[in-house]
Amino acid sequence: MASAFHRPPSRRHHRRRPAYLSRLREENSDLRRTLALYEEAIRQQVLENDALRSGGTVLPLPNRSMPAPPGPS
């Protein structure tokens, strides 16, 4: 019995598979870019928090136009 979340593709979906996969790849790329932006924002906040806790001066970091590509985990 197939669950509601995993259904075998119908014949109609089979014909649109390249477009479907292309859309999923694009969505995946968009999500990775968003994640990289969040990672950079969190990194900057951690640095600012550490500086404030240690009594140092907080210096604004230059904004990166493109976040660094994700490294190996």
Protein backbone atom coordinates (compact mmCIF):
# COMPACT_ATOMS: atom_id res chain seq x y z
CA MET A 1 0.00 0.00 0.00
CA ALA A 2 1.47 3.36 -1.04
CA SER A 3 1.43 6.17 1.49
CA ALA A 4 -0.03 9.59 0.76
CA PHE A 5 3.48 10.99 0.50
CA HIS A 6 4.93 8.45 -1.90
CA ARG A 7 2.89 7.74 -4.97
CA PRO A 8 4.22 6.09 -8.08
CA PRO A 9 4.36 8.57 -10.98
CA SER A 10 1.47 8.42 -13.38
CA ARG A 11 1.92 8.31 -17.15
CA ARG A 12 1.14 12.03 -17.31
CA HIS A 13 4.02 12.81 -14.92
CA HIS A 14 6.35 10.59 -16.93
CA ARG A 15 5.98 12.85 -19.99
CA ARG A 16 6.76 15.98 -17.92
CA ARG A 17 9.66 14.46 -15.99
CA PRO A 18 12.46 16.60 -17.56
CA ALA A 19 10.56 19.81 -16.75
CA TYR A 20 9.80 18.54 -13.25
CA LEU A 21 13.44 17.65 -12.59
CA SER A 22 14.58 20.98 -13.98
CA ARG A 23 12.21 22.82 -11.64
CA LEU A 24 13.44 20.77 -8.67
CA ARG A 25 17.08 21.51 -9.54
CA GLU A 26 16.34 25.23 -9.79
CA GLU A 27 14.49 25.17 -6.47
CA ASN A 28 17.40 23.30 -4.90
CA SER A 29 19.84 25.96 -6.17
CA ASP A 30 17.62 28.73 -4.81
CA LEU A 31 17.46 27.04 -1.41
CA ARG A 32 21.24 26.60 -1.33
CA ARG A 33 21.73 30.31 -2.10
CA THR A 34 19.28 31.27 0.65
CA LEU A 35 21.03 28.95 3.09
CA ALA A 36 24.42 30.51 2.23
CA LEU A 37 22.99 33.98 2.94
CA TYR A 38 21.64 32.84 6.31
CA GLU A 39 24.97 31.20 7.17
CA GLU A 40 26.83 34.44 6.43
CA ALA A 41 24.39 36.52 8.51
CA ILE A 42 24.73 34.11 11.45
CA ARG A 43 28.53 34.10 11.13
CA GLN A 44 28.59 37.90 11.30
CA GLN A 45 26.26 37.94 14.31
CA VAL A 46 28.43 35.41 16.14
CA LEU A 47 31.53 37.57 15.53
CA GLU A 48 29.71 40.69 16.74
CA ASN A 49 28.38 38.87 19.80
CA ASP A 50 31.86 37.58 20.71
CA ALA A 51 33.31 41.09 20.33
CA LEU A 52 30.61 42.61 22.52
CA ARG A 53 31.00 39.95 25.22
CA SER A 54 34.77 40.43 25.33
CA GLY A 55 34.42 44.19 25.61
CA GLY A 56 35.89 44.83 22.20
CA THR A 57 34.74 47.17 19.50
CA VAL A 58 32.37 45.91 16.88
CA LEU A 59 33.58 46.71 13.39
CA PRO A 60 31.15 46.25 10.53
CA LEU A 61 32.34 43.66 8.07
CA PRO A 62 32.14 44.40 4.36
CA ASN A 63 29.18 42.79 2.66
CA ARG A 64 29.98 40.06 0.19
CA SER A 65 28.17 40.32 -3.11
CA MET A 66 28.31 36.55 -3.51
CA PRO A 67 28.54 34.21 -0.53
CA ALA A 68 31.33 31.69 -0.51
CA PRO A 69 30.34 28.36 -2.06
CA PRO A 70 29.41 25.69 0.46
CA GLY A 71 32.42 23.71 1.57
CA PRO A 72 32.66 20.01 2.27
CA SER A 73 30.87 18.92 5.41
